[in-house]
Amino acid sequence: MSQIKLKHSGGNSVIIAAPDSNPASDRTLKLPSDGDGTILTTNSSVGKILQVVQSYSTAIFSTTSNSMTEYAAINTTITPSSSSNKILIVVSLSVGASDTAGQGFQLYDGSTHISAATNTNVSNNSAMTVQIDSQYDTKQPAFQYLYSPNKTSATTIKVYAEADSGRTLYINRYGYGAFRGGGSSMTLMEVAA
């Protein structure tokens, strides 16, 4: 098997070797002519999921407030191992309402609104909205956001919800009664930078 051996001044070497079996055709490893770079290997942690934390709840939540109110049942805490790593936030909610309504949701890091995850181009700023067509309707909206907390301390991600004016927003039940509903969850994944 052919190989190229590059010896480091410290004594050890890096070997570039041909594949163990004969490839179906010639293969080319081309280096860029206009920039430097680092080749990632299978031992690289970049992009890997380092930890996963999830909260799940079927507890019923309701609010009539048309300002953002914390839905605490799925608050989820993760402690990043590096300040450069990111957190992939995945939220799934079972939502109903007392009547036809549009509901809004936002993400928070503790008591701090994650404004970068919010659409500020509309009057009711939200990270996600859902339209409920009647008190017999339920929706299971989901949203994702790749967050950079820039810290290694415990990070608690929260969902805040607001009801449409004059309506009651329900989580984990539909508007007509508490005999049909689902569950809600939040999953946090630390992604290596």
N, C-alpha and C. Protein backbone atom coordinates (compact mmCIF):
# COMPACT_ATOMS: atom_id res chain seq x y z
N MET A 1 0.85 -1.18 0.00
CA MET A 1 0.00 0.00 0.00
C MET A 1 0.89 1.24 0.00
N SER A 2 0.64 2.15 -0.92
CA SER A 2 1.43 3.37 -1.03
C SER A 2 1.05 4.34 0.07
N GLN A 3 2.06 5.13 0.53
CA GLN A 3 1.78 6.13 1.55
C GLN A 3 2.83 7.23 1.51
N ILE A 4 2.44 8.38 2.05
CA ILE A 4 3.36 9.51 2.20
C ILE A 4 3.50 9.76 3.70
N LYS A 5 4.73 9.86 4.18
CA LYS A 5 4.99 10.04 5.60
C LYS A 5 5.59 11.43 5.81
N LEU A 6 4.88 12.26 6.63
CA LEU A 6 5.35 13.60 6.95
C LEU A 6 5.81 13.61 8.40
N LYS A 7 7.11 13.84 8.60
CA LYS A 7 7.66 13.76 9.94
C LYS A 7 7.65 15.13 10.60
N HIS A 8 7.13 15.17 11.84
CA HIS A 8 7.11 16.40 12.62
C HIS A 8 8.48 16.60 13.25
N SER A 9 8.86 17.87 13.51
CA SER A 9 10.17 18.16 14.12
C SER A 9 10.29 17.53 15.51
N GLY A 10 9.13 17.24 16.14
CA GLY A 10 9.17 16.60 17.45
C GLY A 10 9.42 15.11 17.40
N GLY A 11 9.40 14.54 16.19
CA GLY A 11 9.74 13.13 16.05
C GLY A 11 8.63 12.26 15.50
N ASN A 12 7.38 12.53 15.85
CA ASN A 12 6.27 11.71 15.34
C ASN A 12 5.90 12.12 13.92
N SER A 13 5.09 11.27 13.27
CA SER A 13 4.77 11.49 11.86
C SER A 13 3.27 11.45 11.62
N VAL A 14 2.90 12.04 10.49
CA VAL A 14 1.54 11.92 9.95
C VAL A 14 1.66 11.18 8.63
N ILE A 15 0.83 10.16 8.47
CA ILE A 15 0.91 9.33 7.26
C ILE A 15 -0.36 9.51 6.44
N ILE A 16 -0.18 9.82 5.17
CA ILE A 16 -1.29 9.82 4.21
C ILE A 16 -1.18 8.53 3.43
N ALA A 17 -2.20 7.67 3.60
CA ALA A 17 -2.11 6.32 3.01
C ALA A 17 -3.22 6.09 2.00
N ALA A 18 -2.93 5.24 1.02
CA ALA A 18 -3.94 4.83 0.04
C ALA A 18 -4.98 3.96 0.73
N PRO A 19 -6.20 3.85 0.17
CA PRO A 19 -7.23 3.01 0.80
C PRO A 19 -6.81 1.55 0.88
N ASP A 20 -7.43 0.82 1.81
CA ASP A 20 -7.10 -0.60 2.00
C ASP A 20 -7.45 -1.43 0.77
N SER A 21 -8.57 -1.08 0.11
CA SER A 21 -8.95 -1.83 -1.10
C SER A 21 -8.84 -0.91 -2.31
N ASN A 22 -8.70 -1.53 -3.48
CA ASN A 22 -8.53 -0.78 -4.72
C ASN A 22 -9.82 0.00 -5.04
N PRO A 23 -9.78 1.36 -5.14
CA PRO A 23 -10.99 2.11 -5.47
C PRO A 23 -11.48 1.80 -6.87
N ALA A 24 -12.76 2.05 -7.12
CA ALA A 24 -13.36 1.75 -8.43
C ALA A 24 -12.74 2.59 -9.53
N SER A 25 -12.25 3.78 -9.16
CA SER A 25 -11.55 4.64 -10.12
C SER A 25 -10.59 5.53 -9.33
N ASP A 26 -9.79 6.31 -10.04
CA ASP A 26 -8.85 7.19 -9.35
C ASP A 26 -9.61 8.20 -8.49
N ARG A 27 -9.05 8.50 -7.33
CA ARG A 27 -9.62 9.50 -6.43
C ARG A 27 -8.64 10.65 -6.29
N THR A 28 -9.16 11.89 -6.20
CA THR A 28 -8.31 13.07 -6.10
C THR A 28 -8.60 13.82 -4.82
N LEU A 29 -7.56 14.12 -4.06
CA LEU A 29 -7.67 14.97 -2.88
C LEU A 29 -7.03 16.30 -3.28
N LYS A 30 -7.88 17.32 -3.52
CA LYS A 30 -7.40 18.61 -4.04
C LYS A 30 -7.37 19.64 -2.92
N LEU A 31 -6.23 20.32 -2.78
CA LEU A 31 -6.09 21.38 -1.80
C LEU A 31 -6.48 22.71 -2.44
N PRO A 32 -7.03 23.65 -1.64
CA PRO A 32 -7.42 24.94 -2.21
C PRO A 32 -6.19 25.77 -2.59
N SER A 33 -6.31 26.57 -3.66
CA SER A 33 -5.19 27.40 -4.11
C SER A 33 -5.25 28.80 -3.50
N ASP A 34 -6.38 29.14 -2.88
CA ASP A 34 -6.54 30.52 -2.41
C ASP A 34 -6.85 30.63 -0.93
N GLY A 35 -6.53 29.61 -0.16
CA GLY A 35 -6.80 29.71 1.29
C GLY A 35 -6.28 28.51 2.03
N ASP A 36 -6.06 28.69 3.31
CA ASP A 36 -5.62 27.61 4.17
C ASP A 36 -6.83 26.96 4.82
N GLY A 37 -6.68 25.77 5.32
CA GLY A 37 -7.78 25.08 5.99
C GLY A 37 -7.26 23.92 6.81
N THR A 38 -8.16 23.35 7.60
CA THR A 38 -7.84 22.20 8.42
C THR A 38 -8.76 21.06 8.03
N ILE A 39 -8.20 19.89 7.80
CA ILE A 39 -9.00 18.73 7.43
C ILE A 39 -9.58 18.12 8.70
N LEU A 40 -10.91 17.97 8.73
CA LEU A 40 -11.55 17.32 9.87
C LEU A 40 -11.47 15.81 9.71
N THR A 41 -11.27 15.12 10.79
CA THR A 41 -11.19 13.66 10.77
C THR A 41 -12.36 13.09 11.55
N THR A 42 -12.45 11.76 11.56
CA THR A 42 -13.53 11.11 12.32
C THR A 42 -13.35 11.32 13.81
N ASN A 43 -12.17 11.77 14.25
CA ASN A 43 -11.95 12.05 15.67
C ASN A 43 -12.33 13.48 16.05
N SER A 44 -12.74 14.29 15.07
CA SER A 44 -13.12 15.67 15.36
C SER A 44 -14.47 15.71 16.06
N SER A 45 -14.61 16.62 17.03
CA SER A 45 -15.88 16.75 17.74
C SER A 45 -16.79 17.79 17.09
N VAL A 46 -16.29 18.56 16.13
CA VAL A 46 -17.07 19.64 15.53
C VAL A 46 -18.37 19.10 14.93
N GLY A 47 -19.48 19.69 15.32
CA GLY A 47 -20.78 19.29 14.79
C GLY A 47 -21.41 18.12 15.52
N LYS A 48 -20.70 17.49 16.43
CA LYS A 48 -21.25 16.34 17.15
C LYS A 48 -22.22 16.79 18.23
N ILE A 49 -23.22 15.96 18.49
CA ILE A 49 -24.13 16.18 19.60
C ILE A 49 -23.47 15.64 20.86
N LEU A 50 -23.20 16.52 21.81
CA LEU A 50 -22.45 16.14 23.01
C LEU A 50 -23.35 15.69 24.15
N GLN A 51 -24.55 16.25 24.23
CA GLN A 51 -25.51 15.83 25.26
C GLN A 51 -26.91 16.22 24.82
N VAL A 52 -27.88 15.46 25.33
CA VAL A 52 -29.29 15.70 25.02
C VAL A 52 -30.08 15.68 26.33
N VAL A 53 -30.91 16.71 26.53
CA VAL A 53 -31.75 16.80 27.72
C VAL A 53 -33.18 17.07 27.25
N GLN A 54 -34.16 16.39 27.86
CA GLN A 54 -35.55 16.59 27.44
C GLN A 54 -36.47 16.72 28.64
N SER A 55 -37.49 17.57 28.50
CA SER A 55 -38.60 17.65 29.44
C SER A 55 -39.88 17.37 28.67
N TYR A 56 -40.79 16.61 29.31
CA TYR A 56 -42.07 16.26 28.68
C TYR A 56 -43.16 16.40 29.73
N SER A 57 -44.31 16.96 29.33
CA SER A 57 -45.39 17.14 30.28
C SER A 57 -46.75 16.99 29.60
N THR A 58 -47.67 16.38 30.34
CA THR A 58 -49.07 16.33 29.92
C THR A 58 -49.94 17.21 30.83
N ALA A 59 -49.31 17.94 31.75
CA ALA A 59 -50.05 18.83 32.66
C ALA A 59 -50.75 19.92 31.85
N ILE A 60 -51.98 20.22 32.23
CA ILE A 60 -52.77 21.21 31.50
C ILE A 60 -52.41 22.62 31.97
N PHE A 61 -52.21 23.48 31.00
CA PHE A 61 -51.89 24.89 31.25
C PHE A 61 -52.91 25.74 30.52
N SER A 62 -53.31 26.85 31.14
CA SER A 62 -54.21 27.78 30.46
C SER A 62 -53.87 29.21 30.83
N THR A 63 -54.13 30.14 29.93
CA THR A 63 -53.94 31.56 30.20
C THR A 63 -54.91 32.36 29.34
N THR A 64 -55.38 33.46 29.90
CA THR A 64 -56.21 34.41 29.14
C THR A 64 -55.44 35.68 28.85
N SER A 65 -54.17 35.73 29.28
CA SER A 65 -53.38 36.94 29.13
C SER A 65 -52.91 37.10 27.69
N ASN A 66 -53.01 38.33 27.16
CA ASN A 66 -52.45 38.56 25.83
C ASN A 66 -51.07 39.20 25.91
N SER A 67 -50.39 38.98 27.04
CA SER A 67 -48.96 39.25 27.16
C SER A 67 -48.27 37.92 27.48
N MET A 68 -46.99 37.83 27.18
CA MET A 68 -46.29 36.56 27.30
C MET A 68 -46.24 36.06 28.75
N THR A 69 -46.66 34.80 28.93
CA THR A 69 -46.74 34.16 30.24
C THR A 69 -45.95 32.86 30.21
N GLU A 70 -45.14 32.61 31.23
CA GLU A 70 -44.29 31.42 31.26
C GLU A 70 -45.11 30.14 31.34
N TYR A 71 -44.77 29.19 30.46
CA TYR A 71 -45.32 27.83 30.54
C TYR A 71 -44.21 26.97 31.13
N ALA A 72 -44.22 26.81 32.47
CA ALA A 72 -43.07 26.27 33.20
C ALA A 72 -42.93 24.75 33.14
N ALA A 73 -43.96 24.04 32.71
CA ALA A 73 -43.95 22.57 32.80
C ALA A 73 -42.83 21.92 32.00
N ILE A 74 -42.36 22.59 30.94
CA ILE A 74 -41.30 21.99 30.13
C ILE A 74 -40.00 22.79 30.18
N ASN A 75 -39.83 23.64 31.19
CA ASN A 75 -38.54 24.31 31.36
C ASN A 75 -37.44 23.25 31.39
N THR A 76 -36.38 23.48 30.64
CA THR A 76 -35.32 22.47 30.52
C THR A 76 -33.96 23.13 30.72
N THR A 77 -33.12 22.47 31.53
CA THR A 77 -31.80 23.03 31.87
C THR A 77 -30.70 22.17 31.27
N ILE A 78 -29.72 22.85 30.69
CA ILE A 78 -28.54 22.18 30.13
C ILE A 78 -27.32 23.02 30.50
N THR A 79 -26.19 22.36 30.73
CA THR A 79 -24.95 23.07 31.05
C THR A 79 -23.94 22.81 29.93
N PRO A 80 -23.71 23.79 29.05
CA PRO A 80 -22.78 23.59 27.94
C PRO A 80 -21.37 23.31 28.45
N SER A 81 -20.65 22.46 27.75
CA SER A 81 -19.28 22.12 28.15
C SER A 81 -18.26 23.12 27.63
N SER A 82 -18.67 23.97 26.67
CA SER A 82 -17.79 25.01 26.14
C SER A 82 -18.64 26.22 25.78
N SER A 83 -18.10 27.42 26.00
CA SER A 83 -18.86 28.64 25.69
C SER A 83 -19.02 28.85 24.19
N SER A 84 -18.24 28.14 23.39
CA SER A 84 -18.37 28.28 21.93
C SER A 84 -19.39 27.32 21.34
N ASN A 85 -19.84 26.36 22.13
CA ASN A 85 -20.83 25.39 21.62
C ASN A 85 -22.21 26.03 21.52
N LYS A 86 -23.06 25.41 20.71
CA LYS A 86 -24.42 25.90 20.51
C LYS A 86 -25.43 24.92 21.12
N ILE A 87 -26.64 25.41 21.33
CA ILE A 87 -27.72 24.59 21.85
C ILE A 87 -28.84 24.56 20.82
N LEU A 88 -29.17 23.36 20.32
CA LEU A 88 -30.31 23.21 19.43
C LEU A 88 -31.55 23.03 20.29
N ILE A 89 -32.47 23.99 20.18
CA ILE A 89 -33.71 23.97 20.96
C ILE A 89 -34.82 23.42 20.07
N VAL A 90 -35.49 22.36 20.51
CA VAL A 90 -36.59 21.76 19.77
C VAL A 90 -37.81 21.72 20.70
N VAL A 91 -38.88 22.39 20.31
CA VAL A 91 -40.09 22.48 21.13
C VAL A 91 -41.28 21.94 20.35
N SER A 92 -42.10 21.13 21.01
CA SER A 92 -43.35 20.63 20.44
C SER A 92 -44.45 20.86 21.47
N LEU A 93 -45.55 21.50 21.05
CA LEU A 93 -46.62 21.86 21.98
C LEU A 93 -47.96 21.33 21.48
N SER A 94 -48.78 20.86 22.40
CA SER A 94 -50.16 20.49 22.09
C SER A 94 -51.04 21.67 22.50
N VAL A 95 -51.68 22.32 21.52
CA VAL A 95 -52.32 23.62 21.76
C VAL A 95 -53.80 23.59 21.37
N GLY A 96 -54.63 24.19 22.22
CA GLY A 96 -56.04 24.39 21.93
C GLY A 96 -56.45 25.78 22.38
N ALA A 97 -57.72 26.15 22.13
CA ALA A 97 -58.21 27.47 22.53
C ALA A 97 -59.71 27.42 22.74
N SER A 98 -60.23 28.40 23.48
CA SER A 98 -61.65 28.44 23.79
C SER A 98 -62.50 28.82 22.58
N ASP A 99 -61.87 29.39 21.56
CA ASP A 99 -62.58 29.77 20.34
C ASP A 99 -61.53 29.99 19.26
N THR A 100 -61.95 30.36 18.06
CA THR A 100 -61.01 30.65 16.99
C THR A 100 -60.00 31.68 17.47
N ALA A 101 -58.73 31.38 17.32
CA ALA A 101 -57.71 32.25 17.90
C ALA A 101 -56.35 32.02 17.26
N GLY A 102 -55.52 33.05 17.30
CA GLY A 102 -54.11 32.94 16.94
C GLY A 102 -53.28 33.07 18.19
N GLN A 103 -52.42 32.10 18.45
CA GLN A 103 -51.62 32.10 19.68
C GLN A 103 -50.16 32.30 19.34
N GLY A 104 -49.43 32.99 20.24
CA GLY A 104 -48.02 33.26 20.01
C GLY A 104 -47.14 32.70 21.11
N PHE A 105 -45.90 32.39 20.76
CA PHE A 105 -44.95 31.79 21.71
C PHE A 105 -43.57 32.41 21.52
N GLN A 106 -42.82 32.52 22.62
CA GLN A 106 -41.46 33.03 22.59
C GLN A 106 -40.55 32.12 23.40
N LEU A 107 -39.23 32.23 23.14
CA LEU A 107 -38.22 31.49 23.89
C LEU A 107 -37.47 32.43 24.83
N TYR A 108 -37.15 31.90 26.01
CA TYR A 108 -36.39 32.66 26.99
C TYR A 108 -35.23 31.81 27.49
N ASP A 109 -34.12 32.49 27.81
CA ASP A 109 -33.00 31.89 28.53
C ASP A 109 -33.08 32.45 29.95
N GLY A 110 -33.63 31.67 30.86
CA GLY A 110 -33.91 32.18 32.20
C GLY A 110 -34.94 33.29 32.10
N SER A 111 -34.59 34.47 32.56
CA SER A 111 -35.51 35.61 32.47
C SER A 111 -35.23 36.50 31.27
N THR A 112 -34.30 36.08 30.41
CA THR A 112 -33.91 36.89 29.25
C THR A 112 -34.57 36.38 27.98
N HIS A 113 -35.31 37.25 27.31
CA HIS A 113 -35.96 36.90 26.05
C HIS A 113 -34.90 36.64 24.99
N ILE A 114 -35.01 35.52 24.28
CA ILE A 114 -34.09 35.22 23.17
C ILE A 114 -34.63 35.94 21.94
N SER A 115 -34.28 37.20 21.83
CA SER A 115 -34.86 38.06 20.80
C SER A 115 -34.47 37.65 19.39
N ALA A 116 -33.30 37.02 19.24
CA ALA A 116 -32.86 36.60 17.90
C ALA A 116 -33.75 35.52 17.32
N ALA A 117 -34.52 34.83 18.19
CA ALA A 117 -35.41 33.77 17.72
C ALA A 117 -36.82 34.30 17.46
N THR A 118 -37.00 35.61 17.54
CA THR A 118 -38.33 36.21 17.46
C THR A 118 -38.50 36.99 16.16
N ASN A 119 -39.67 36.86 15.55
CA ASN A 119 -40.01 37.63 14.36
C ASN A 119 -40.51 39.00 14.81
N THR A 120 -39.69 40.02 14.59
CA THR A 120 -40.05 41.38 14.99
C THR A 120 -40.66 42.18 13.83
N ASN A 121 -40.93 41.51 12.73
CA ASN A 121 -41.52 42.17 11.56
C ASN A 121 -43.04 42.21 11.62
N VAL A 122 -43.61 41.69 12.70
CA VAL A 122 -45.06 41.69 12.89
C VAL A 122 -45.39 42.35 14.22
N SER A 123 -46.63 42.79 14.39
CA SER A 123 -46.98 43.55 15.59
C SER A 123 -46.94 42.69 16.85
N ASN A 124 -47.35 41.43 16.76
CA ASN A 124 -47.27 40.52 17.91
C ASN A 124 -46.01 39.67 17.76
N ASN A 125 -44.90 40.17 18.31
CA ASN A 125 -43.61 39.50 18.13
C ASN A 125 -43.64 38.10 18.74
N SER A 126 -43.23 37.11 17.97
CA SER A 126 -43.22 35.74 18.48
C SER A 126 -42.20 34.90 17.73
N ALA A 127 -41.79 33.80 18.38
CA ALA A 127 -40.91 32.83 17.73
C ALA A 127 -41.73 31.85 16.91
N MET A 128 -42.99 31.65 17.33
CA MET A 128 -43.88 30.72 16.64
C MET A 128 -45.31 31.15 16.90
N THR A 129 -46.17 30.97 15.91
CA THR A 129 -47.60 31.20 16.09
C THR A 129 -48.38 29.98 15.61
N VAL A 130 -49.60 29.85 16.11
CA VAL A 130 -50.46 28.76 15.66
C VAL A 130 -51.89 29.30 15.61
N GLN A 131 -52.63 28.92 14.58
CA GLN A 131 -54.01 29.32 14.43
C GLN A 131 -54.92 28.17 14.85
N ILE A 132 -55.77 28.41 15.84
CA ILE A 132 -56.75 27.43 16.29
C ILE A 132 -58.09 27.80 15.65
N ASP A 133 -58.73 26.85 14.98
CA ASP A 133 -59.93 27.16 14.20
C ASP A 133 -61.22 27.12 15.00
N SER A 134 -61.24 26.39 16.11
CA SER A 134 -62.44 26.33 16.95
C SER A 134 -62.07 25.70 18.28
N GLN A 135 -63.03 25.66 19.21
CA GLN A 135 -62.78 25.03 20.51
C GLN A 135 -62.61 23.51 20.40
N TYR A 136 -62.94 22.96 19.24
CA TYR A 136 -62.79 21.52 19.02
C TYR A 136 -61.46 21.19 18.31
N ASP A 137 -60.66 22.20 18.08
CA ASP A 137 -59.44 22.05 17.30
C ASP A 137 -58.22 21.96 18.23
N THR A 138 -57.27 21.11 17.90
CA THR A 138 -55.96 21.11 18.56
C THR A 138 -54.89 21.08 17.48
N LYS A 139 -53.78 21.68 17.79
CA LYS A 139 -52.63 21.68 16.88
C LYS A 139 -51.41 21.22 17.66
N GLN A 140 -50.45 20.65 16.95
CA GLN A 140 -49.19 20.19 17.58
C GLN A 140 -48.04 20.91 16.87
N PRO A 141 -47.92 22.23 17.09
CA PRO A 141 -46.84 22.97 16.43
C PRO A 141 -45.49 22.61 17.02
N ALA A 142 -44.47 22.71 16.19
CA ALA A 142 -43.10 22.46 16.63
C ALA A 142 -42.19 23.52 16.03
N PHE A 143 -41.17 23.90 16.75
CA PHE A 143 -40.19 24.82 16.19
C PHE A 143 -38.81 24.52 16.74
N GLN A 144 -37.81 24.96 15.98
CA GLN A 144 -36.42 24.70 16.34
C GLN A 144 -35.63 25.99 16.23
N TYR A 145 -34.63 26.11 17.08
CA TYR A 145 -33.75 27.29 17.00
C TYR A 145 -32.37 26.88 17.51
N LEU A 146 -31.32 27.25 16.75
CA LEU A 146 -29.94 26.97 17.15
C LEU A 146 -29.42 28.19 17.90
N TYR A 147 -29.23 28.01 19.20
CA TYR A 147 -28.95 29.12 20.11
C TYR A 147 -27.49 29.11 20.55
N SER A 148 -26.91 30.31 20.67
CA SER A 148 -25.53 30.44 21.16
C SER A 148 -25.56 31.12 22.52
N PRO A 149 -25.57 30.36 23.62
CA PRO A 149 -25.64 30.98 24.94
C PRO A 149 -24.34 31.66 25.38
N ASN A 150 -23.22 31.28 24.77
CA ASN A 150 -21.91 31.87 25.08
C ASN A 150 -21.56 31.77 26.56
N LYS A 151 -21.82 30.61 27.16
CA LYS A 151 -21.50 30.42 28.57
C LYS A 151 -21.39 28.93 28.87
N THR A 152 -20.82 28.62 30.03
CA THR A 152 -20.72 27.22 30.46
C THR A 152 -21.48 26.99 31.75
N SER A 153 -22.28 27.95 32.17
CA SER A 153 -23.10 27.77 33.37
C SER A 153 -24.44 27.15 32.98
N ALA A 154 -25.17 26.68 33.98
CA ALA A 154 -26.48 26.06 33.73
C ALA A 154 -27.40 27.03 33.00
N THR A 155 -28.01 26.55 31.92
CA THR A 155 -28.85 27.38 31.05
C THR A 155 -30.25 26.78 31.02
N THR A 156 -31.24 27.52 31.50
CA THR A 156 -32.62 27.04 31.52
C THR A 156 -33.41 27.73 30.42
N ILE A 157 -33.86 26.94 29.46
CA ILE A 157 -34.65 27.45 28.34
C ILE A 157 -36.13 27.30 28.69
N LYS A 158 -36.89 28.36 28.42
CA LYS A 158 -38.31 28.40 28.77
C LYS A 158 -39.14 28.80 27.55
N VAL A 159 -40.40 28.37 27.56
CA VAL A 159 -41.38 28.80 26.55
C VAL A 159 -42.37 29.74 27.23
N TYR A 160 -42.63 30.86 26.58
CA TYR A 160 -43.67 31.78 27.04
C TYR A 160 -44.78 31.79 25.99
N ALA A 161 -46.02 31.93 26.46
CA ALA A 161 -47.18 31.87 25.57
C ALA A 161 -48.11 33.05 25.84
N GLU A 162 -48.83 33.47 24.80
CA GLU A 162 -49.85 34.50 24.98
C GLU A 162 -51.12 34.08 24.27
N ALA A 163 -52.27 34.41 24.89
CA ALA A 163 -53.57 34.09 24.32
C ALA A 163 -54.03 35.23 23.41
N ASP A 164 -54.82 34.89 22.42
CA ASP A 164 -55.47 35.89 21.59
C ASP A 164 -56.46 36.67 22.47
N SER A 165 -56.66 37.92 22.17
CA SER A 165 -57.53 38.76 22.99
C SER A 165 -58.93 38.17 23.13
N GLY A 166 -59.40 38.04 24.38
CA GLY A 166 -60.74 37.52 24.64
C GLY A 166 -60.84 36.01 24.56
N ARG A 167 -59.72 35.31 24.39
CA ARG A 167 -59.71 33.86 24.28
C ARG A 167 -58.90 33.25 25.43
N THR A 168 -59.11 31.96 25.65
CA THR A 168 -58.26 31.21 26.58
C THR A 168 -57.38 30.27 25.77
N LEU A 169 -56.09 30.35 26.01
CA LEU A 169 -55.13 29.44 25.39
C LEU A 169 -54.95 28.24 26.30
N TYR A 170 -55.01 27.05 25.74
CA TYR A 170 -54.77 25.83 26.49
C TYR A 170 -53.56 25.10 25.91
N ILE A 171 -52.76 24.52 26.78
CA ILE A 171 -51.70 23.62 26.36
C ILE A 171 -52.01 22.25 26.96
N ASN A 172 -51.98 21.24 26.12
CA ASN A 172 -52.25 19.83 26.45
C ASN A 172 -53.74 19.51 26.61
N ARG A 173 -54.62 20.34 26.08
CA ARG A 173 -56.04 20.00 25.97
C ARG A 173 -56.67 20.89 24.92
N TYR A 174 -57.80 20.46 24.39
CA TYR A 174 -58.48 21.36 23.47
C TYR A 174 -59.51 22.19 24.22
N GLY A 175 -60.09 23.19 23.55
CA GLY A 175 -60.87 24.19 24.24
C GLY A 175 -62.19 23.73 24.80
N TYR A 176 -62.77 22.69 24.21
CA TYR A 176 -64.11 22.28 24.62
C TYR A 176 -64.12 21.60 25.99
N GLY A 177 -63.05 20.95 26.35
CA GLY A 177 -63.00 20.27 27.64
C GLY A 177 -61.72 19.50 27.81
N ALA A 178 -61.49 19.05 29.04
CA ALA A 178 -60.24 18.36 29.36
C ALA A 178 -60.36 16.86 29.16
N PHE A 179 -61.01 16.44 28.06
CA PHE A 179 -61.08 15.01 27.78
C PHE A 179 -60.42 14.65 26.46
N ARG A 180 -59.74 15.61 25.84
CA ARG A 180 -58.92 15.31 24.67
C ARG A 180 -57.73 16.26 24.66
N GLY A 181 -56.56 15.71 24.47
CA GLY A 181 -55.36 16.54 24.48
C GLY A 181 -54.12 15.70 24.23
N GLY A 182 -52.97 16.33 24.28
CA GLY A 182 -51.72 15.62 24.02
C GLY A 182 -50.66 16.01 25.03
N GLY A 183 -49.42 15.84 24.65
CA GLY A 183 -48.29 16.19 25.50
C GLY A 183 -47.39 17.20 24.81
N SER A 184 -46.60 17.89 25.61
CA SER A 184 -45.67 18.90 25.10
C SER A 184 -44.27 18.59 25.57
N SER A 185 -43.28 18.98 24.77
CA SER A 185 -41.90 18.66 25.13
C SER A 185 -40.94 19.74 24.69
N MET A 186 -39.78 19.76 25.36
CA MET A 186 -38.66 20.56 24.93
C MET A 186 -37.42 19.67 24.97
N THR A 187 -36.65 19.67 23.89
CA THR A 187 -35.41 18.92 23.81
C THR A 187 -34.27 19.89 23.53
N LEU A 188 -33.22 19.81 24.34
CA LEU A 188 -32.02 20.64 24.16
C LEU A 188 -30.86 19.73 23.81
N MET A 189 -30.12 20.08 22.75
CA MET A 189 -28.97 19.31 22.31
C MET A 189 -27.75 20.23 22.21
N GLU A 190 -26.69 19.87 22.92
CA GLU A 190 -25.46 20.65 22.82
C GLU A 190 -24.69 20.20 21.58
N VAL A 191 -24.39 21.18 20.70
CA VAL A 191 -23.70 20.90 19.43
C VAL A 191 -22.30 21.47 19.53
N ALA A 192 -21.29 20.65 19.32
CA ALA A 192 -19.90 21.10 19.41
C ALA A 192 -19.58 22.08 18.29
N ALA A 193 -18.91 23.16 18.64
CA ALA A 193 -18.53 24.18 17.64
C ALA A 193 -17.24 23.78 16.95
